[in-house]
Amino acid sequence: MKSKFLKDSIYVVETNIDDMSPVIYETVFEKLYSAGALEVFLTPVQMKKVRPGILLTALVSKNKLKKIAEVIFRETTSFGMRYYEAKRLKLLRKTGEKKERWGKIKVNKGYIGKELVKISPEYNDCREIAYKKKTLLKDIINLRPS
């Protein structure tokens, strides 16, 4: 039986940090995305000696692991990291445009089989339109499948 979802594998790369200024994370994110990270996020954690810390996590395609590791070692205070393979299920994605009262917006469409189940507008397009039209960003972003 054919799956209605796309399947692939990625690496989850993570490191705990408790001795780095929070202002540095913006640059770390920029460099990780530039190096090919699919997603980057921070999670507050409790570390040894009850110190507050941060779990830095990057989701990475397998061919980007070395680049991502280098960014983390160069740009953070980390001396080590963990990585492991994770399997994913994804919706079939198609890009397109949706005409709204504000104009055309680039969108990502998600399908289960042939059924359209999600429409996600491109954030930068929405932000630009909200600024130009002097309207609320949240109103533009809240598109519904049709």
C-alpha atoms as a PDB file:
ATOM      1  CA  MET A   1       0.000   0.000   0.000  1.00  0.00           C
ATOM      2  CA  LYS A   2       1.371   3.378  -1.002  1.00  0.00           C
ATOM      3  CA  SER A   3       1.858   5.919   1.804  1.00  0.00           C
ATOM      4  CA  LYS A   4      -0.019   9.213   1.683  1.00  0.00           C
ATOM      5  CA  PHE A   5       3.000  10.915   3.251  1.00  0.00           C
ATOM      6  CA  LEU A   6       6.574  11.594   2.205  1.00  0.00           C
ATOM      7  CA  LYS A   7       9.243   9.922   4.337  1.00  0.00           C
ATOM      8  CA  ASP A   8      12.856  10.843   4.936  1.00  0.00           C
ATOM      9  CA  SER A   9      15.554  10.931   7.594  1.00  0.00           C
ATOM     10  CA  ILE A  10      17.392  13.860   9.137  1.00  0.00           C
ATOM     11  CA  TYR A  11      19.835  14.395  11.965  1.00  0.00           C
ATOM     12  CA  VAL A  12      18.893  16.048  15.229  1.00  0.00           C
ATOM     13  CA  VAL A  13      21.961  17.906  16.529  1.00  0.00           C
ATOM     14  CA  GLU A  14      21.900  19.195  20.097  1.00  0.00           C
ATOM     15  CA  THR A  15      24.160  20.719  22.702  1.00  0.00           C
ATOM     16  CA  ASN A  16      23.653  22.055  26.221  1.00  0.00           C
ATOM     17  CA  ILE A  17      25.002  25.545  26.914  1.00  0.00           C
ATOM     18  CA  ASP A  18      25.129  27.298  30.299  1.00  0.00           C
ATOM     19  CA  ASP A  19      27.926  29.821  29.929  1.00  0.00           C
ATOM     20  CA  MET A  20      27.128  31.943  26.866  1.00  0.00           C
ATOM     21  CA  SER A  21      25.588  35.397  26.624  1.00  0.00           C
ATOM     22  CA  PRO A  22      22.045  35.193  25.209  1.00  0.00           C
ATOM     23  CA  VAL A  23      22.755  37.989  22.720  1.00  0.00           C
ATOM     24  CA  ILE A  24      25.001  35.599  20.765  1.00  0.00           C
ATOM     25  CA  TYR A  25      22.150  33.238  19.836  1.00  0.00           C
ATOM     26  CA  GLU A  26      20.833  35.509  17.073  1.00  0.00           C
ATOM     27  CA  THR A  27      24.128  35.207  15.202  1.00  0.00           C
ATOM     28  CA  VAL A  28      24.284  31.460  15.893  1.00  0.00           C
ATOM     29  CA  PHE A  29      20.811  31.045  14.354  1.00  0.00           C
ATOM     30  CA  GLU A  30      21.734  33.112  11.289  1.00  0.00           C
ATOM     31  CA  LYS A  31      24.898  31.097  10.694  1.00  0.00           C
ATOM     32  CA  LEU A  32      23.179  27.735  11.261  1.00  0.00           C
ATOM     33  CA  TYR A  33      20.443  28.601   8.761  1.00  0.00           C
ATOM     34  CA  SER A  34      23.061  29.855   6.297  1.00  0.00           C
ATOM     35  CA  ALA A  35      24.899  26.529   6.708  1.00  0.00           C
ATOM     36  CA  GLY A  36      21.749  24.629   5.769  1.00  0.00           C
ATOM     37  CA  ALA A  37      19.902  23.906   9.021  1.00  0.00           C
ATOM     38  CA  LEU A  38      16.258  23.037   8.389  1.00  0.00           C
ATOM     39  CA  GLU A  39      15.173  24.283  11.807  1.00  0.00           C
ATOM     40  CA  VAL A  40      16.887  25.689  14.885  1.00  0.00           C
ATOM     41  CA  PHE A  41      15.386  26.155  18.335  1.00  0.00           C
ATOM     42  CA  LEU A  42      16.255  26.747  21.983  1.00  0.00           C
ATOM     43  CA  THR A  43      14.816  24.960  25.011  1.00  0.00           C
ATOM     44  CA  PRO A  44      15.431  26.061  28.606  1.00  0.00           C
ATOM     45  CA  VAL A  45      16.994  23.247  30.688  1.00  0.00           C
ATOM     46  CA  GLN A  46      18.307  22.724  34.213  1.00  0.00           C
ATOM     47  CA  MET A  47      21.955  21.655  34.226  1.00  0.00           C
ATOM     48  CA  LYS A  48      24.406  20.361  36.824  1.00  0.00           C
ATOM     49  CA  LYS A  49      24.769  22.363  40.009  1.00  0.00           C
ATOM     50  CA  VAL A  50      21.189  23.546  39.302  1.00  0.00           C
ATOM     51  CA  ARG A  51      22.420  26.061  36.740  1.00  0.00           C
ATOM     52  CA  PRO A  52      19.916  27.277  34.168  1.00  0.00           C
ATOM     53  CA  GLY A  53      21.010  26.434  30.655  1.00  0.00           C
ATOM     54  CA  ILE A  54      19.884  26.217  27.059  1.00  0.00           C
ATOM     55  CA  LEU A  55      19.492  23.166  24.851  1.00  0.00           C
ATOM     56  CA  LEU A  56      20.376  24.314  21.323  1.00  0.00           C
ATOM     57  CA  THR A  57      18.824  21.992  18.738  1.00  0.00           C
ATOM     58  CA  ALA A  58      19.235  21.990  14.961  1.00  0.00           C
ATOM     59  CA  LEU A  59      17.421  19.752  12.502  1.00  0.00           C
ATOM     60  CA  VAL A  60      19.780  18.977   9.655  1.00  0.00           C
ATOM     61  CA  SER A  61      19.845  17.029   6.411  1.00  0.00           C
ATOM     62  CA  LYS A  62      22.468  14.305   6.554  1.00  0.00           C
ATOM     63  CA  ASN A  63      24.839  16.005   4.116  1.00  0.00           C
ATOM     64  CA  LYS A  64      24.990  19.188   6.261  1.00  0.00           C
ATOM     65  CA  LEU A  65      26.074  17.602   9.564  1.00  0.00           C
ATOM     66  CA  LYS A  66      29.756  18.587   9.375  1.00  0.00           C
ATOM     67  CA  LYS A  67      28.965  22.190   8.398  1.00  0.00           C
ATOM     68  CA  ILE A  68      26.461  22.534  11.232  1.00  0.00           C
ATOM     69  CA  ALA A  69      28.870  20.998  13.759  1.00  0.00           C
ATOM     70  CA  GLU A  70      31.558  23.456  12.704  1.00  0.00           C
ATOM     71  CA  VAL A  71      29.216  26.429  13.169  1.00  0.00           C
ATOM     72  CA  ILE A  72      28.224  25.230  16.640  1.00  0.00           C
ATOM     73  CA  PHE A  73      31.835  24.691  17.716  1.00  0.00           C
ATOM     74  CA  ARG A  74      33.030  28.018  16.304  1.00  0.00           C
ATOM     75  CA  GLU A  75      30.101  30.224  17.324  1.00  0.00           C
ATOM     76  CA  THR A  76      29.107  28.845  20.752  1.00  0.00           C
ATOM     77  CA  THR A  77      30.872  27.917  23.978  1.00  0.00           C
ATOM     78  CA  SER A  78      30.045  24.228  23.436  1.00  0.00           C
ATOM     79  CA  PHE A  79      32.794  21.596  23.671  1.00  0.00           C
ATOM     80  CA  GLY A  80      30.582  18.746  22.456  1.00  0.00           C
ATOM     81  CA  MET A  81      27.265  17.848  20.907  1.00  0.00           C
ATOM     82  CA  ARG A  82      25.018  14.890  20.314  1.00  0.00           C
ATOM     83  CA  TYR A  83      23.462  13.893  17.036  1.00  0.00           C
ATOM     84  CA  TYR A  84      21.126  11.137  16.055  1.00  0.00           C
ATOM     85  CA  GLU A  85      19.040  10.129  13.103  1.00  0.00           C
ATOM     86  CA  ALA A  86      15.326  10.839  13.180  1.00  0.00           C
ATOM     87  CA  LYS A  87      12.791   9.595  10.673  1.00  0.00           C
ATOM     88  CA  ARG A  88      10.115  12.022   9.511  1.00  0.00           C
ATOM     89  CA  LEU A  89       6.758  11.937   7.833  1.00  0.00           C
ATOM     90  CA  LYS A  90       5.940  15.004   5.788  1.00  0.00           C
ATOM     91  CA  LEU A  91       3.014  16.303   3.844  1.00  0.00           C
ATOM     92  CA  LEU A  92       3.443  16.521   0.097  1.00  0.00           C
ATOM     93  CA  ARG A  93       4.232  20.204  -0.459  1.00  0.00           C
ATOM     94  CA  LYS A  94       3.496  22.431  -3.383  1.00  0.00           C
ATOM     95  CA  THR A  95       4.161  26.133  -3.662  1.00  0.00           C
ATOM     96  CA  GLY A  96       1.866  28.586  -5.324  1.00  0.00           C
ATOM     97  CA  GLU A  97       0.147  31.907  -4.968  1.00  0.00           C
ATOM     98  CA  LYS A  98      -3.141  32.789  -3.376  1.00  0.00           C
ATOM     99  CA  LYS A  99      -5.013  35.907  -4.359  1.00  0.00           C
ATOM    100  CA  GLU A 100      -6.311  37.757  -1.333  1.00  0.00           C
ATOM    101  CA  ARG A 101      -7.928  41.163  -0.928  1.00  0.00           C
ATOM    102  CA  TRP A 102      -4.443  42.575  -0.223  1.00  0.00           C
ATOM    103  CA  GLY A 103      -2.896  41.064  -3.340  1.00  0.00           C
ATOM    104  CA  LYS A 104      -1.065  37.875  -4.268  1.00  0.00           C
ATOM    105  CA  ILE A 105       0.679  35.981  -1.484  1.00  0.00           C
ATOM    106  CA  LYS A 106       3.129  33.111  -1.953  1.00  0.00           C
ATOM    107  CA  VAL A 107       1.902  30.026  -0.112  1.00  0.00           C
ATOM    108  CA  ASN A 108       2.980  26.495   0.734  1.00  0.00           C
ATOM    109  CA  LYS A 109       0.219  23.926   0.303  1.00  0.00           C
ATOM    110  CA  GLY A 110       0.237  20.634   2.198  1.00  0.00           C
ATOM    111  CA  TYR A 111      -1.530  17.516   0.950  1.00  0.00           C
ATOM    112  CA  ILE A 112      -2.456  14.128   2.371  1.00  0.00           C
ATOM    113  CA  GLY A 113      -2.670  12.147  -0.823  1.00  0.00           C
ATOM    114  CA  LYS A 114      -4.605  14.491  -3.108  1.00  0.00           C
ATOM    115  CA  GLU A 115      -6.473  16.275  -0.311  1.00  0.00           C
ATOM    116  CA  LEU A 116      -5.361  19.836   0.460  1.00  0.00           C
ATOM    117  CA  VAL A 117      -5.146  20.064   4.276  1.00  0.00           C
ATOM    118  CA  LYS A 118      -2.907  23.105   4.909  1.00  0.00           C
ATOM    119  CA  ILE A 119      -2.084  26.446   3.392  1.00  0.00           C
ATOM    120  CA  SER A 120       0.765  28.369   4.949  1.00  0.00           C
ATOM    121  CA  PRO A 121       1.564  31.844   3.631  1.00  0.00           C
ATOM    122  CA  GLU A 122       5.166  32.957   3.232  1.00  0.00           C
ATOM    123  CA  TYR A 123       5.901  35.131   6.247  1.00  0.00           C
ATOM    124  CA  ASN A 124       8.068  37.682   4.405  1.00  0.00           C
ATOM    125  CA  ASP A 125       5.342  38.288   1.800  1.00  0.00           C
ATOM    126  CA  CYS A 126       2.740  38.774   4.534  1.00  0.00           C
ATOM    127  CA  ARG A 127       4.981  41.125   6.468  1.00  0.00           C
ATOM    128  CA  GLU A 128       5.696  43.223   3.395  1.00  0.00           C
ATOM    129  CA  ILE A 129       2.000  43.472   2.487  1.00  0.00           C
ATOM    130  CA  ALA A 130       1.010  44.351   6.068  1.00  0.00           C
ATOM    131  CA  TYR A 131       3.566  47.142   6.075  1.00  0.00           C
ATOM    132  CA  LYS A 132       2.542  48.507   2.658  1.00  0.00           C
ATOM    133  CA  LYS A 133      -1.214  48.217   3.269  1.00  0.00           C
ATOM    134  CA  LYS A 134      -0.990  49.390   6.892  1.00  0.00           C
ATOM    135  CA  THR A 135      -2.959  46.377   8.076  1.00  0.00           C
ATOM    136  CA  LEU A 136      -2.466  43.740  10.748  1.00  0.00           C
ATOM    137  CA  LEU A 137       0.024  40.983   9.995  1.00  0.00           C
ATOM    138  CA  LYS A 138      -2.102  38.426  11.881  1.00  0.00           C
ATOM    139  CA  ASP A 139      -5.052  39.053   9.520  1.00  0.00           C
ATOM    140  CA  ILE A 140      -2.926  38.332   6.467  1.00  0.00           C
ATOM    141  CA  ILE A 141      -1.268  35.249   7.931  1.00  0.00           C
ATOM    142  CA  ASN A 142      -4.552  33.554   8.903  1.00  0.00           C
ATOM    143  CA  LEU A 143      -5.329  32.051   5.491  1.00  0.00           C
ATOM    144  CA  ARG A 144      -7.568  28.997   5.325  1.00  0.00           C
ATOM    145  CA  PRO A 145      -7.548  26.121   2.824  1.00  0.00           C
ATOM    146  CA  SER A 146     -10.026  26.609  -0.014  1.00  0.00           C
END
